[in-house]
Amino acid sequence: QVQLVESGGGLVQPGGSLRLSCVASGNIFMVNVMGWYRQAPGKQRELVATITNGGSTNYATSVKGRFTISKDNAKNTVYLQMNSLKPEDTAVYSCNAGRSTISMYFWGQGTQVTVSS
């Protein structure tokens, strides 16, 4: 079992920035990839960014150049730095962690990000 707790969401104006955090605990030795997903009202959940234990990253086309995923292994924490935010970035952002080779993943509760003037 892996438990994930997200924080850092809130209300921000277009063009602003936020940093989301996800702290993992439990049986974290099994985790080889972590990521951020988001779901806007009436839309499917979509992948935002992922990072492997080795540090390889992937981003959705819509956030490339604006968002950065990183991790602090000593703190068992993954971050999502979000810059140049747009209204279309508004969504519930959820942290994901797991072992991709067996398609076993764990989810956090999510944190709301609202971009509005």
Protein backbone atom coordinates (compact mmCIF):
# COMPACT_ATOMS: atom_id res chain seq x y z
CA GLN A 1 0.00 0.00 0.00
CA VAL A 2 1.08 3.52 -0.87
CA GLN A 3 -0.59 6.64 0.50
CA LEU A 4 -0.40 10.00 -1.25
CA VAL A 5 -1.30 13.44 0.06
CA GLU A 6 -1.46 16.46 -2.26
CA SER A 7 -1.29 20.12 -1.31
CA GLY A 8 -0.69 23.52 -2.87
CA GLY A 9 -3.84 24.08 -4.89
CA GLY A 10 -5.80 27.30 -4.85
CA LEU A 11 -7.05 30.28 -6.82
CA VAL A 12 -4.64 32.14 -9.09
CA GLN A 13 -4.98 34.75 -11.84
CA PRO A 14 -4.12 33.95 -15.46
CA GLY A 15 -0.36 34.15 -15.95
CA GLY A 16 0.31 33.30 -12.33
CA SER A 17 2.09 30.35 -10.75
CA LEU A 18 1.44 27.57 -8.24
CA ARG A 19 3.49 24.68 -6.91
CA LEU A 20 1.77 21.43 -6.03
CA SER A 21 3.29 18.89 -3.65
CA CYS A 22 2.62 15.17 -3.22
CA VAL A 23 4.03 13.30 -0.23
CA ALA A 24 4.18 9.51 -0.48
CA SER A 25 4.23 7.08 2.44
CA GLY A 26 3.79 3.38 3.06
CA ASN A 27 5.25 0.67 0.84
CA ILE A 28 7.09 3.13 -1.35
CA PHE A 29 9.87 0.74 -2.35
CA MET A 30 7.57 -0.65 -5.04
CA VAL A 31 7.10 2.72 -6.75
CA ASN A 32 9.01 3.28 -9.97
CA VAL A 33 6.99 6.14 -11.47
CA MET A 34 4.98 9.07 -10.15
CA GLY A 35 2.86 11.57 -11.94
CA TRP A 36 0.24 14.27 -11.93
CA TYR A 37 -3.17 13.98 -13.57
CA ARG A 38 -6.03 16.44 -13.81
CA GLN A 39 -9.75 16.36 -14.43
CA ALA A 40 -11.88 19.34 -15.36
CA PRO A 41 -15.69 19.34 -14.99
CA GLY A 42 -17.32 17.34 -17.77
CA LYS A 43 -14.01 16.09 -19.14
CA GLN A 44 -11.94 12.91 -18.96
CA ARG A 45 -9.01 12.67 -16.59
CA GLU A 46 -5.79 13.40 -18.44
CA LEU A 47 -2.11 12.88 -17.76
CA VAL A 48 -0.18 16.07 -17.05
CA ALA A 49 3.35 14.88 -16.29
CA THR A 50 5.27 11.82 -15.08
CA ILE A 51 8.70 11.18 -13.60
CA THR A 52 10.48 7.85 -13.14
CA ASN A 53 12.87 6.77 -10.40
CA GLY A 54 15.69 7.46 -12.84
CA GLY A 55 14.50 11.02 -13.41
CA SER A 56 13.02 10.67 -16.89
CA THR A 57 10.07 13.00 -17.47
CA ASN A 58 7.13 13.23 -19.83
CA TYR A 59 4.63 16.05 -20.29
CA ALA A 60 1.32 16.56 -21.96
CA THR A 61 1.68 18.75 -25.03
CA SER A 62 -0.62 21.36 -23.50
CA VAL A 63 1.73 22.03 -20.55
CA LYS A 64 5.18 21.69 -22.12
CA GLY A 65 7.30 24.73 -21.43
CA ARG A 66 5.00 25.90 -18.63
CA PHE A 67 4.95 23.05 -16.07
CA THR A 68 7.89 21.22 -14.48
CA ILE A 69 7.72 17.96 -12.54
CA SER A 70 10.46 17.17 -10.03
CA LYS A 71 11.07 15.05 -6.95
CA ASP A 72 12.95 15.04 -3.68
CA ASN A 73 13.79 11.44 -2.85
CA ALA A 74 14.85 12.24 0.71
CA LYS A 75 11.38 13.64 1.40
CA ASN A 76 9.45 11.12 -0.72
CA THR A 77 7.85 14.10 -2.40
CA VAL A 78 6.96 14.97 -5.99
CA TYR A 79 6.31 18.53 -7.09
CA LEU A 80 4.55 20.17 -9.99
CA GLN A 81 5.65 23.73 -10.66
CA MET A 82 2.99 25.44 -12.77
CA ASN A 83 3.82 28.73 -14.49
CA SER A 84 1.96 30.90 -17.00
CA LEU A 85 -1.32 29.40 -15.88
CA LYS A 86 -4.34 29.62 -18.16
CA PRO A 87 -8.07 29.34 -17.39
CA GLU A 88 -8.10 26.00 -19.22
CA ASP A 89 -5.70 24.64 -16.58
CA THR A 90 -8.54 24.76 -14.06
CA ALA A 91 -9.09 21.23 -12.72
CA VAL A 92 -8.69 18.89 -9.81
CA TYR A 93 -5.06 17.76 -9.83
CA SER A 94 -4.30 14.30 -8.45
CA CYS A 95 -1.03 12.61 -7.64
CA ASN A 96 -0.36 9.07 -8.86
CA ALA A 97 2.35 6.59 -7.88
CA GLY A 98 2.97 2.98 -8.78
CA ARG A 99 4.85 0.29 -10.61
CA SER A 100 4.30 0.57 -14.32
CA THR A 101 5.50 -2.96 -15.12
CA ILE A 102 2.46 -4.48 -13.38
CA SER A 103 0.07 -1.54 -13.89
CA MET A 104 -0.45 -1.10 -10.15
CA TYR A 105 -1.11 2.51 -9.17
CA PHE A 106 -2.22 4.50 -6.13
CA TRP A 107 -4.03 7.82 -6.02
CA GLY A 108 -4.24 10.82 -3.76
CA GLN A 109 -7.44 12.70 -2.95
CA GLY A 110 -6.69 15.60 -5.29
CA THR A 111 -6.30 19.34 -4.92
CA GLN A 112 -8.33 22.03 -6.71
CA VAL A 113 -6.57 24.50 -9.00
CA THR A 114 -8.66 27.40 -10.27
CA VAL A 115 -7.28 29.93 -12.76
CA SER A 116 -9.55 32.96 -13.05
CA SER A 117 -9.44 36.74 -13.10
